[in-house]
């Protein structure tokens, strides 16, 4: 195993459940993930599938009354295939000193909605410099120079002035760039990017994606890229996890996902993408919506929307995660395996 294949974070049977008066809302319901050093894991799926809650569980910032179960192991100092010292983030106090030292330094996150993520009563400069002063340097002048430099890198015009402004004084795209700058300011080992380019024009989006790739190349940073844009996934990711209703339904490398998808949900997502030359054919749509993840019936969560579903097979018991070939796992009983005997992973 090369250093590039070193696992830097591992999630085992992670669940995020919200215990409400109406019942238990299962936002994330038993997922397994591996994040490798210097590689990008893309997470895709419709809204409400549990993508953002998964990233919140990694940082232990799941809002109450959410509870995190399972193992979320962060490996420190691993080289040449060795994982290194393990810290189980799921066992840490969400308000404790250890997890606060990890946030922003070892693991940073670009939040989906910067207007909600930024403090409205502190300037952009205060908030970016706070992370730098906490994790990188105690010199305020040096922290200021670093903040100006990182704003320049994300394409912010007149960065010195922007540092003295409040979030409401910036446009949506500028707030998004400031959020990206804050996440990149400490050169984290793991960068979680939750829809990082939603509010940006195409040209700025390309610059931001290139900046993330540069960070990945220069600092061996691992990236978890959460998006609805399969085009960005094709460009950025090494491996892809397709989520549906709190579970991973397909997990494979990016080439296999686009050229040999197995799960009906993955195929439906890919068929809904416009393609050059397909002018006379209507785009396919996935009928229905993602069910509310509470008091769900047994069986496959995609059963009510799946064209391949079989009554009495897909709706009688939980669907196991099946390894259909090397590095390709699917949660579907209808998939044709490419090995003599499919291995049940979970």
Protein backbone atom coordinates (compact mmCIF):
# COMPACT_ATOMS: atom_id res chain seq x y z
CA UNK A 1 0.00 0.00 0.00
CA UNK A 2 1.40 3.40 -0.99
CA UNK A 3 1.27 6.53 1.10
CA UNK A 4 -1.47 7.75 -1.20
CA UNK A 5 -3.63 4.84 -0.03
CA UNK A 6 -3.17 5.62 3.65
CA UNK A 7 -6.54 5.89 5.38
CA UNK A 8 -6.76 9.17 7.27
CA UNK A 9 -10.37 8.83 8.47
CA UNK A 10 -12.63 5.82 8.81
CA UNK A 11 -16.34 5.71 9.60
CA UNK A 12 -17.92 2.45 10.74
CA UNK A 13 -21.67 1.94 11.17
CA UNK A 14 -22.20 5.65 11.81
CA UNK A 15 -25.74 6.67 12.68
CA UNK A 16 -27.19 10.11 13.36
CA UNK A 17 -30.65 9.83 14.88
CA UNK A 18 -32.93 12.60 16.12
CA UNK A 19 -35.25 11.46 18.90
CA UNK A 20 -38.42 13.50 18.42
CA UNK A 21 -41.89 13.33 19.94
CA UNK A 22 -43.19 11.80 16.70
CA UNK A 23 -40.52 9.08 16.63
CA UNK A 24 -36.88 8.55 15.65
CA UNK A 25 -35.72 10.48 12.59
CA UNK A 26 -32.87 8.49 11.00
CA UNK A 27 -30.92 11.14 9.09
CA UNK A 28 -27.89 8.85 8.73
CA UNK A 29 -28.53 5.17 9.22
CA UNK A 30 -25.38 3.07 9.39
CA UNK A 31 -22.76 4.18 6.87
CA UNK A 32 -19.18 3.02 6.32
CA UNK A 33 -16.65 5.32 4.66
CA UNK A 34 -12.89 5.54 4.20
CA UNK A 35 -11.14 8.82 3.44
CA UNK A 36 -7.65 8.32 2.02
CA UNK A 37 -4.75 10.74 2.28
CA UNK A 38 -4.44 13.07 -0.69
CA UNK A 39 -7.60 11.80 -2.40
CA UNK A 40 -11.08 13.19 -2.97
CA UNK A 41 -14.25 11.37 -1.93
CA UNK A 42 -17.37 12.69 -3.63
CA UNK A 43 -20.74 12.29 -1.90
CA UNK A 44 -23.80 12.72 -4.12
CA UNK A 45 -27.54 12.38 -3.72
CA UNK A 46 -30.74 14.40 -3.63
CA UNK A 47 -31.55 16.88 -0.89
CA UNK A 48 -32.58 15.08 2.29
CA UNK A 49 -30.35 12.04 1.75
CA UNK A 50 -28.10 12.76 4.75
CA UNK A 51 -25.00 14.15 3.01
CA UNK A 52 -24.60 17.30 5.11
CA UNK A 53 -25.49 15.54 8.37
CA UNK A 54 -22.73 13.02 7.64
CA UNK A 55 -20.20 15.85 7.43
CA UNK A 56 -21.58 17.42 10.61
CA UNK A 57 -21.07 14.12 12.41
CA UNK A 58 -17.37 14.17 11.47
CA UNK A 59 -16.93 17.53 13.19
CA UNK A 60 -19.35 16.69 16.04
CA UNK A 61 -21.54 19.69 15.25
CA UNK A 62 -24.83 17.82 14.79
CA UNK A 63 -27.56 20.05 16.25
CA UNK A 64 -29.60 18.80 19.18
CA UNK A 65 -31.44 16.51 19.71
CA UNK A 66 -29.26 14.60 17.24
CA UNK A 67 -27.14 11.75 18.59
CA UNK A 68 -24.09 10.24 16.87
CA UNK A 69 -23.38 6.50 17.15
CA UNK A 70 -20.69 4.29 15.67
CA UNK A 71 -16.97 4.94 15.09
CA UNK A 72 -15.42 7.98 13.40
CA UNK A 73 -11.67 7.39 13.64
CA UNK A 74 -9.19 10.09 12.68
CA UNK A 75 -5.69 8.69 12.07
CA UNK A 76 -2.76 11.01 12.81
CA UNK A 77 0.79 10.68 11.53
CA UNK A 78 0.22 7.72 9.22
CA UNK A 79 2.78 7.14 6.45
CA UNK A 80 3.47 4.51 3.77
CA UNK A 81 0.20 2.67 4.35
CA UNK A 82 0.34 2.90 8.14
CA UNK A 83 -2.76 4.48 9.66
CA UNK A 84 -1.05 6.07 12.68
CA UNK A 85 -2.57 7.03 16.02
CA UNK A 86 -6.38 6.79 16.10
CA UNK A 87 -8.76 9.26 17.74
CA UNK A 88 -12.44 8.27 17.81
CA UNK A 89 -14.24 11.56 17.17
CA UNK A 90 -17.59 9.99 18.03
CA UNK A 91 -16.40 9.50 21.62
CA UNK A 92 -15.17 13.08 22.12
CA UNK A 93 -17.13 15.74 23.97
CA UNK A 94 -18.63 17.98 21.23
CA UNK A 95 -17.74 21.01 23.36
CA UNK A 96 -14.42 19.66 24.65
CA UNK A 97 -10.96 21.08 24.05
CA UNK A 98 -9.72 18.16 21.90
CA UNK A 99 -12.42 18.37 19.25
CA UNK A 100 -12.16 22.19 19.24
CA UNK A 101 -8.45 21.86 18.45
CA UNK A 102 -9.26 19.49 15.58
CA UNK A 103 -11.93 21.71 14.02
CA UNK A 104 -10.44 24.23 11.63
CA UNK A 105 -6.92 22.84 12.01
CA UNK A 106 -6.96 19.14 11.08
CA UNK A 107 -10.50 19.11 9.68
CA UNK A 108 -12.04 22.21 8.08
CA UNK A 109 -15.42 22.67 6.45
CA UNK A 110 -16.83 24.91 3.76
CA UNK A 111 -20.46 25.28 4.80
CA UNK A 112 -23.33 25.26 2.34
CA UNK A 113 -24.93 28.51 3.56
CA UNK A 114 -22.26 31.08 4.54
CA UNK A 115 -24.82 33.67 5.69
CA UNK A 116 -25.85 31.27 8.45
CA UNK A 117 -22.34 29.99 9.13
CA UNK A 118 -20.72 33.41 9.61
CA UNK A 119 -21.32 35.42 12.77
CA UNK A 120 -23.36 38.53 11.85
CA UNK A 121 -21.76 40.67 14.58
CA UNK A 122 -18.09 40.10 13.68
CA UNK A 123 -16.23 41.23 10.59
CA UNK A 124 -14.99 38.79 7.97
CA UNK A 125 -11.44 39.60 9.05
CA UNK A 126 -12.17 38.82 12.71
CA UNK A 127 -13.53 35.40 11.79
CA UNK A 128 -10.79 34.38 9.35
CA UNK A 129 -8.01 35.66 11.61
CA UNK A 130 -9.48 33.90 14.64
CA UNK A 131 -8.81 30.50 13.07
CA UNK A 132 -5.28 31.54 12.03
CA UNK A 133 -4.46 32.94 15.49
CA UNK A 134 -5.80 29.80 17.16
CA UNK A 135 -4.07 27.20 14.98
CA UNK A 136 -1.16 28.80 13.06
CA UNK A 137 0.38 31.89 14.66
CA UNK A 138 -0.15 34.21 17.61
CA UNK A 139 1.23 37.20 15.73
CA UNK A 140 -1.71 39.41 14.68
CA UNK A 141 0.18 41.15 11.89
CA UNK A 142 1.21 37.84 10.37
CA UNK A 143 -2.35 36.54 10.75
CA UNK A 144 -3.62 39.65 8.93
CA UNK A 145 -1.18 39.11 6.05
CA UNK A 146 -2.22 35.46 5.79
CA UNK A 147 -5.91 36.43 5.75
CA UNK A 148 -5.32 38.96 2.94
CA UNK A 149 -3.33 36.39 0.96
CA UNK A 150 -5.97 33.66 1.22
CA UNK A 151 -8.73 36.09 0.16
CA UNK A 152 -6.66 36.97 -2.92
CA UNK A 153 -6.29 33.28 -3.75
CA UNK A 154 -10.07 32.73 -3.76
CA UNK A 155 -10.55 35.68 -6.13
CA UNK A 156 -11.85 38.28 -3.65
CA UNK A 157 -11.51 41.83 -4.97
CA UNK A 158 -9.96 44.44 -2.66
CA UNK A 159 -9.28 41.91 0.16
CA UNK A 160 -8.02 44.52 2.64
CA UNK A 161 -11.38 46.29 2.57
CA UNK A 162 -13.37 43.03 2.73
CA UNK A 163 -11.64 42.05 5.96
CA UNK A 164 -13.22 45.04 7.71
CA UNK A 165 -16.72 44.35 6.38
CA UNK A 166 -19.54 42.28 7.91
CA UNK A 167 -21.16 39.29 6.18
CA UNK A 168 -24.34 41.23 5.28
CA UNK A 169 -22.24 43.76 3.36
CA UNK A 170 -21.02 41.10 0.93
CA UNK A 171 -22.86 39.51 -1.98
CA UNK A 172 -23.73 35.81 -1.85
CA UNK A 173 -20.77 34.86 -4.04
CA UNK A 174 -18.36 36.96 -2.00
CA UNK A 175 -19.58 35.40 1.24
CA UNK A 176 -19.03 31.97 -0.30
CA UNK A 177 -15.47 32.90 -1.23
CA UNK A 178 -14.82 34.24 2.28
CA UNK A 179 -16.11 30.96 3.72
CA UNK A 180 -13.79 28.99 1.44
CA UNK A 181 -10.88 31.24 2.45
CA UNK A 182 -11.53 30.62 6.15
CA UNK A 183 -11.62 26.85 5.60
CA UNK A 184 -8.35 26.87 3.63
CA UNK A 185 -6.51 29.30 5.91
CA UNK A 186 -4.92 26.64 8.16
CA UNK A 187 -4.06 24.06 5.45
CA UNK A 188 -6.23 21.30 6.98
CA UNK A 189 -5.50 17.58 6.59
CA UNK A 190 -9.15 16.98 5.66
CA UNK A 191 -11.32 19.54 3.87
CA UNK A 192 -15.08 18.99 3.85
CA UNK A 193 -16.64 20.98 1.00
CA UNK A 194 -20.45 21.08 1.29
CA UNK A 195 -21.76 22.52 -1.99
CA UNK A 196 -18.82 24.99 -2.07
CA UNK A 197 -19.54 26.56 -5.47
CA UNK A 198 -23.34 26.91 -5.39
CA UNK A 199 -23.43 30.74 -5.39
CA UNK A 200 -20.47 31.28 -7.71
CA UNK A 201 -20.31 32.07 -11.44
CA UNK A 202 -18.78 29.47 -13.71
CA UNK A 203 -15.42 31.25 -14.03
CA UNK A 204 -15.03 31.75 -10.27
CA UNK A 205 -16.22 28.17 -9.69
CA UNK A 206 -13.37 26.93 -11.88
CA UNK A 207 -10.89 29.03 -9.89
CA UNK A 208 -12.18 27.67 -6.57
CA UNK A 209 -12.06 24.07 -7.75
CA UNK A 210 -8.50 24.63 -8.97
CA UNK A 211 -7.61 26.13 -5.58
CA UNK A 212 -8.95 23.03 -3.80
CA UNK A 213 -6.99 20.80 -6.18
CA UNK A 214 -3.83 22.84 -5.52
CA UNK A 215 -4.31 22.43 -1.76
CA UNK A 216 -4.78 18.71 -2.29
CA UNK A 217 -1.62 18.45 -4.40
CA UNK A 218 0.67 20.73 -2.38
CA UNK A 219 -0.33 19.67 1.13
CA UNK A 220 -1.59 16.11 0.52
CA UNK A 221 -5.00 17.23 1.76
CA UNK A 222 -7.91 14.80 1.68
CA UNK A 223 -11.16 16.28 0.34
CA UNK A 224 -14.75 15.26 0.99
CA UNK A 225 -16.77 16.90 -1.77
CA UNK A 226 -20.55 17.07 -1.26
CA UNK A 227 -22.51 18.26 -4.28
CA UNK A 228 -25.51 17.74 -6.55
CA UNK A 229 -23.38 18.47 -9.61
CA UNK A 230 -22.24 15.20 -11.15
CA UNK A 231 -20.05 17.13 -13.58
CA UNK A 232 -18.02 18.48 -10.66
CA UNK A 233 -17.87 14.97 -9.17
CA UNK A 234 -16.44 13.64 -12.45
CA UNK A 235 -13.79 16.38 -12.45
CA UNK A 236 -12.82 16.37 -8.76
CA UNK A 237 -13.35 12.92 -7.23
CA UNK A 238 -11.27 9.76 -7.00
CA UNK A 239 -14.02 7.74 -5.28
CA UNK A 240 -17.76 8.35 -5.02
CA UNK A 241 -20.39 7.43 -2.44
CA UNK A 242 -24.01 7.72 -3.62
CA UNK A 243 -26.35 8.34 -0.68
CA UNK A 244 -30.07 7.78 -0.47
CA UNK A 245 -32.26 8.06 2.63
CA UNK A 246 -29.36 8.03 5.10
CA UNK A 247 -27.57 5.05 3.55
CA UNK A 248 -24.83 4.59 0.98
CA UNK A 249 -26.38 2.73 -1.94
CA UNK A 250 -23.30 2.62 -4.19
CA UNK A 251 -19.57 3.09 -3.49
CA UNK A 252 -16.89 2.86 -6.15
CA UNK A 253 -14.19 4.75 -8.03
CA UNK A 254 -15.31 7.66 -10.21
CA UNK A 255 -14.67 5.90 -13.56
CA UNK A 256 -16.77 2.89 -12.61
CA UNK A 257 -19.60 5.12 -11.40
CA UNK A 258 -19.94 6.90 -14.74
CA UNK A 259 -19.13 4.01 -17.07
CA UNK A 260 -20.57 1.05 -15.15
CA UNK A 261 -23.20 2.18 -12.61
CA UNK A 262 -25.03 -0.61 -10.83
CA UNK A 263 -27.72 0.81 -8.54
CA UNK A 264 -31.01 1.94 -10.17
CA UNK A 265 -30.81 5.25 -8.29
CA UNK A 266 -27.31 5.97 -9.62
CA UNK A 267 -28.45 5.13 -13.14
CA UNK A 268 -31.45 7.45 -12.76
CA UNK A 269 -29.22 10.32 -11.60
CA UNK A 270 -26.88 9.85 -14.55
CA UNK A 271 -29.76 9.61 -17.04
CA UNK A 272 -31.08 12.97 -15.85
CA UNK A 273 -27.91 14.79 -16.99
CA UNK A 274 -28.06 16.65 -20.35
CA UNK A 275 -25.65 15.21 -22.91
CA UNK A 276 -24.19 16.68 -26.08
CA UNK A 277 -25.91 15.24 -29.12
CA UNK A 278 -28.99 14.01 -27.22
CA UNK A 279 -31.29 16.67 -28.66
CA UNK A 280 -34.36 14.61 -29.56
CA UNK A 281 -34.60 12.68 -26.31
CA UNK A 282 -36.31 13.95 -23.20
CA UNK A 283 -34.29 13.90 -20.00
CA UNK A 284 -35.39 11.24 -17.58
CA UNK A 285 -36.72 12.29 -14.20
CA UNK A 286 -36.98 10.36 -10.95
CA UNK A 287 -40.64 10.30 -10.01
CA UNK A 288 -41.61 11.11 -6.44
CA UNK A 289 -39.47 12.53 -3.66
CA UNK A 290 -37.12 11.23 -0.98
CA UNK A 291 -39.33 9.78 1.81
CA UNK A 292 -39.25 11.39 5.25
CA UNK A 293 -36.73 9.30 7.24
CA UNK A 294 -39.06 8.39 10.10
CA UNK A 295 -41.07 5.20 10.73
CA UNK A 296 -39.98 3.79 7.39
CA UNK A 297 -41.22 0.39 6.18
CA UNK A 298 -38.81 -2.52 5.79
CA UNK A 299 -36.91 -3.03 2.60
CA UNK A 300 -35.13 -0.77 0.15
CA UNK A 301 -35.62 2.96 0.71
CA UNK A 302 -35.76 3.50 -3.06
CA UNK A 303 -38.49 0.86 -3.51
CA UNK A 304 -41.40 3.29 -4.10
CA UNK A 305 -39.50 5.13 -6.88
CA UNK A 306 -37.59 2.26 -8.49
CA UNK A 307 -38.62 0.91 -11.91
CA UNK A 308 -36.82 -2.39 -11.23
CA UNK A 309 -38.39 -3.02 -7.81
CA UNK A 310 -39.91 -6.48 -7.23
CA UNK A 311 -42.73 -6.87 -4.72
CA UNK A 312 -41.95 -9.50 -2.11
CA UNK A 313 -38.20 -9.19 -2.69
CA UNK A 314 -37.19 -5.55 -2.31
CA UNK A 315 -39.72 -4.60 0.39
CA UNK A 316 -39.46 -7.39 2.96
CA UNK A 317 -36.11 -6.84 4.71
CA UNK A 318 -33.19 -4.43 4.90
CA UNK A 319 -30.98 -4.63 1.81
CA UNK A 320 -27.36 -5.72 2.46
CA UNK A 321 -24.33 -3.93 1.01
CA UNK A 322 -22.97 -6.28 -1.65
CA UNK A 323 -19.47 -6.18 -3.14
CA UNK A 324 -20.10 -6.94 -6.80
CA UNK A 325 -16.46 -6.66 -7.84
CA UNK A 326 -13.22 -5.15 -6.61
CA UNK A 327 -13.80 -1.74 -4.98
CA UNK A 328 -17.44 -1.62 -6.10
CA UNK A 329 -20.23 -2.05 -3.53
CA UNK A 330 -23.97 -1.77 -4.14
CA UNK A 331 -27.03 -1.94 -1.88
CA UNK A 332 -29.40 -3.67 -4.31
CA UNK A 333 -30.69 -7.23 -4.75
CA UNK A 334 -31.38 -6.78 -8.47
CA UNK A 335 -27.81 -6.00 -9.47
CA UNK A 336 -25.94 -8.54 -11.58
CA UNK A 337 -22.67 -9.40 -9.88
CA UNK A 338 -19.46 -9.59 -11.87
CA UNK A 339 -17.93 -12.10 -9.49
CA UNK A 340 -18.89 -15.75 -9.10
CA UNK A 341 -20.30 -15.10 -5.64
CA UNK A 342 -21.19 -11.65 -4.36
CA UNK A 343 -19.80 -10.88 -0.95
CA UNK A 344 -22.21 -9.38 1.58
CA UNK A 345 -20.32 -6.51 3.21
CA UNK A 346 -23.01 -5.44 5.69
